[in-house]
Amino acid sequence: MIVKVFIRRHFKEGNDTEAFNLLKKIRLKAMEYEGYISGDTLVNTNDPQEIMVISTWQSMDNWNTWKKSEDRKNIDALLEVLQTTPTLYESFVFSKYRLSAKTGFADHPG
């Protein structure tokens, strides 16, 4: 089941180059993990310091493996220093999986 993870970050002014270099680095590392499909990096049109990354994974298990990995945690710690607020994570599945989402995906094999 495809999972889309929305990752919202707000960076301090003046850190754009370093922040985007780290965002590229974290994506390249994510690509090495099983289940990674794609990622998009978007800039808020009303606040260019706010960045939304949309990461697409084959399953919640794949996403959780990446999220808990030391590779991600190490780069994320560098990103957090450049941010004004903590990173916000939200994961979504397509609406046809709504009932599985309600049960915490216990009835769906992934």
Protein backbone atom coordinates (compact mmCIF):
# COMPACT_ATOMS: atom_id res chain seq x y z
CA MET A 1 0.00 0.00 0.00
CA ILE A 2 1.54 3.30 -1.10
CA VAL A 3 2.20 5.81 1.70
CA LYS A 4 2.82 9.52 1.22
CA VAL A 5 4.65 11.24 4.04
CA PHE A 6 4.44 15.01 4.37
CA ILE A 7 7.45 16.48 6.14
CA ARG A 8 7.19 20.17 7.05
CA ARG A 9 10.25 22.17 8.06
CA HIS A 10 10.72 25.88 8.72
CA PHE A 11 14.29 27.12 8.34
CA LYS A 12 15.97 30.16 9.83
CA GLU A 13 16.79 32.86 7.28
CA GLY A 14 20.28 32.73 5.83
CA ASN A 15 20.61 28.94 5.95
CA ASP A 16 19.09 28.18 2.54
CA THR A 17 22.17 26.72 0.86
CA GLU A 18 23.11 24.48 3.77
CA ALA A 19 19.49 23.40 4.31
CA PHE A 20 18.94 22.44 0.67
CA ASN A 21 22.27 20.60 0.53
CA LEU A 22 21.21 18.55 3.57
CA LEU A 23 17.75 17.92 2.07
CA LYS A 24 19.45 16.54 -1.04
CA LYS A 25 21.74 14.41 1.11
CA ILE A 26 18.86 12.96 3.13
CA ARG A 27 16.93 12.14 -0.07
CA LEU A 28 19.93 10.42 -1.64
CA LYS A 29 20.33 8.31 1.50
CA ALA A 30 16.58 7.50 1.57
CA MET A 31 16.85 6.23 -2.00
CA GLU A 32 19.10 3.46 -0.72
CA TYR A 33 16.34 2.10 1.52
CA GLU A 34 13.87 -0.58 0.53
CA GLY A 35 10.47 0.78 -0.44
CA TYR A 36 11.49 4.33 -1.34
CA ILE A 37 9.60 5.47 -4.43
CA SER A 38 10.04 9.22 -4.81
CA GLY A 39 10.27 12.58 -3.15
CA ASP A 40 9.33 16.17 -3.91
CA THR A 41 10.62 19.28 -2.19
CA LEU A 42 8.22 22.23 -2.22
CA VAL A 43 8.68 25.82 -1.03
CA ASN A 44 5.73 27.68 0.51
CA THR A 45 4.75 30.53 -1.82
CA ASN A 46 3.86 32.76 1.15
CA ASP A 47 6.89 31.88 3.28
CA PRO A 48 10.00 30.73 1.39
CA GLN A 49 11.57 29.54 4.67
CA GLU A 50 8.91 26.83 4.95
CA ILE A 51 9.66 23.63 3.08
CA MET A 52 7.37 20.65 2.51
CA VAL A 53 8.89 17.36 1.44
CA ILE A 54 6.50 14.74 0.11
CA SER A 55 8.12 11.34 0.38
CA THR A 56 6.47 8.31 -1.21
CA TRP A 57 7.04 4.79 0.14
CA GLN A 58 5.73 1.34 -0.74
CA SER A 59 4.53 0.73 2.83
CA MET A 60 4.36 2.15 6.35
CA ASP A 61 6.91 -0.46 7.39
CA ASN A 62 9.35 0.85 4.75
CA TRP A 63 8.80 4.43 5.91
CA ASN A 64 9.17 3.52 9.59
CA THR A 65 12.40 1.62 8.90
CA TRP A 66 13.82 4.72 7.22
CA LYS A 67 12.48 7.11 9.87
CA LYS A 68 14.09 5.07 12.67
CA SER A 69 17.40 4.60 10.84
CA GLU A 70 20.64 6.09 12.11
CA ASP A 71 21.32 7.40 8.59
CA ARG A 72 18.19 9.56 8.70
CA LYS A 73 18.61 10.57 12.33
CA ASN A 74 22.16 11.81 11.73
CA ILE A 75 21.20 14.08 8.82
CA ASP A 76 17.96 15.12 10.50
CA ALA A 77 19.91 16.34 13.54
CA LEU A 78 21.89 18.67 11.26
CA LEU A 79 18.67 19.95 9.68
CA GLU A 80 16.99 20.55 13.05
CA VAL A 81 19.76 22.99 14.06
CA LEU A 82 18.86 25.14 11.03
CA GLN A 83 15.13 25.17 11.80
CA THR A 84 12.95 27.58 13.76
CA THR A 85 10.53 24.81 14.83
CA PRO A 86 10.63 21.01 15.10
CA THR A 87 9.91 18.94 11.99
CA LEU A 88 6.29 17.87 11.54
CA TYR A 89 5.50 14.48 10.00
CA GLU A 90 2.15 13.30 8.66
CA SER A 91 1.54 10.14 6.67
CA PHE A 92 -1.36 9.45 4.32
CA VAL A 93 -2.62 6.58 2.20
CA PHE A 94 -5.04 6.64 -0.70
CA SER A 95 -8.71 6.81 0.28
CA LYS A 96 -9.42 3.22 -0.75
CA TYR A 97 -7.36 2.21 2.32
CA ARG A 98 -9.45 4.34 4.69
CA LEU A 99 -10.77 1.37 6.65
CA SER A 100 -7.30 -0.11 7.03
CA ALA A 101 -6.07 3.25 8.34
CA LYS A 102 -8.81 3.25 10.98
CA THR A 103 -7.57 -0.10 12.31
CA GLY A 104 -3.91 0.89 12.25
CA PHE A 105 -3.39 -1.31 9.17
CA ALA A 106 -3.76 -4.45 11.26
CA ASP A 107 -6.04 -5.95 8.60
CA HIS A 108 -3.79 -5.10 5.66
CA PRO A 109 -0.58 -6.96 4.81
CA GLY A 110 1.25 -3.78 3.83
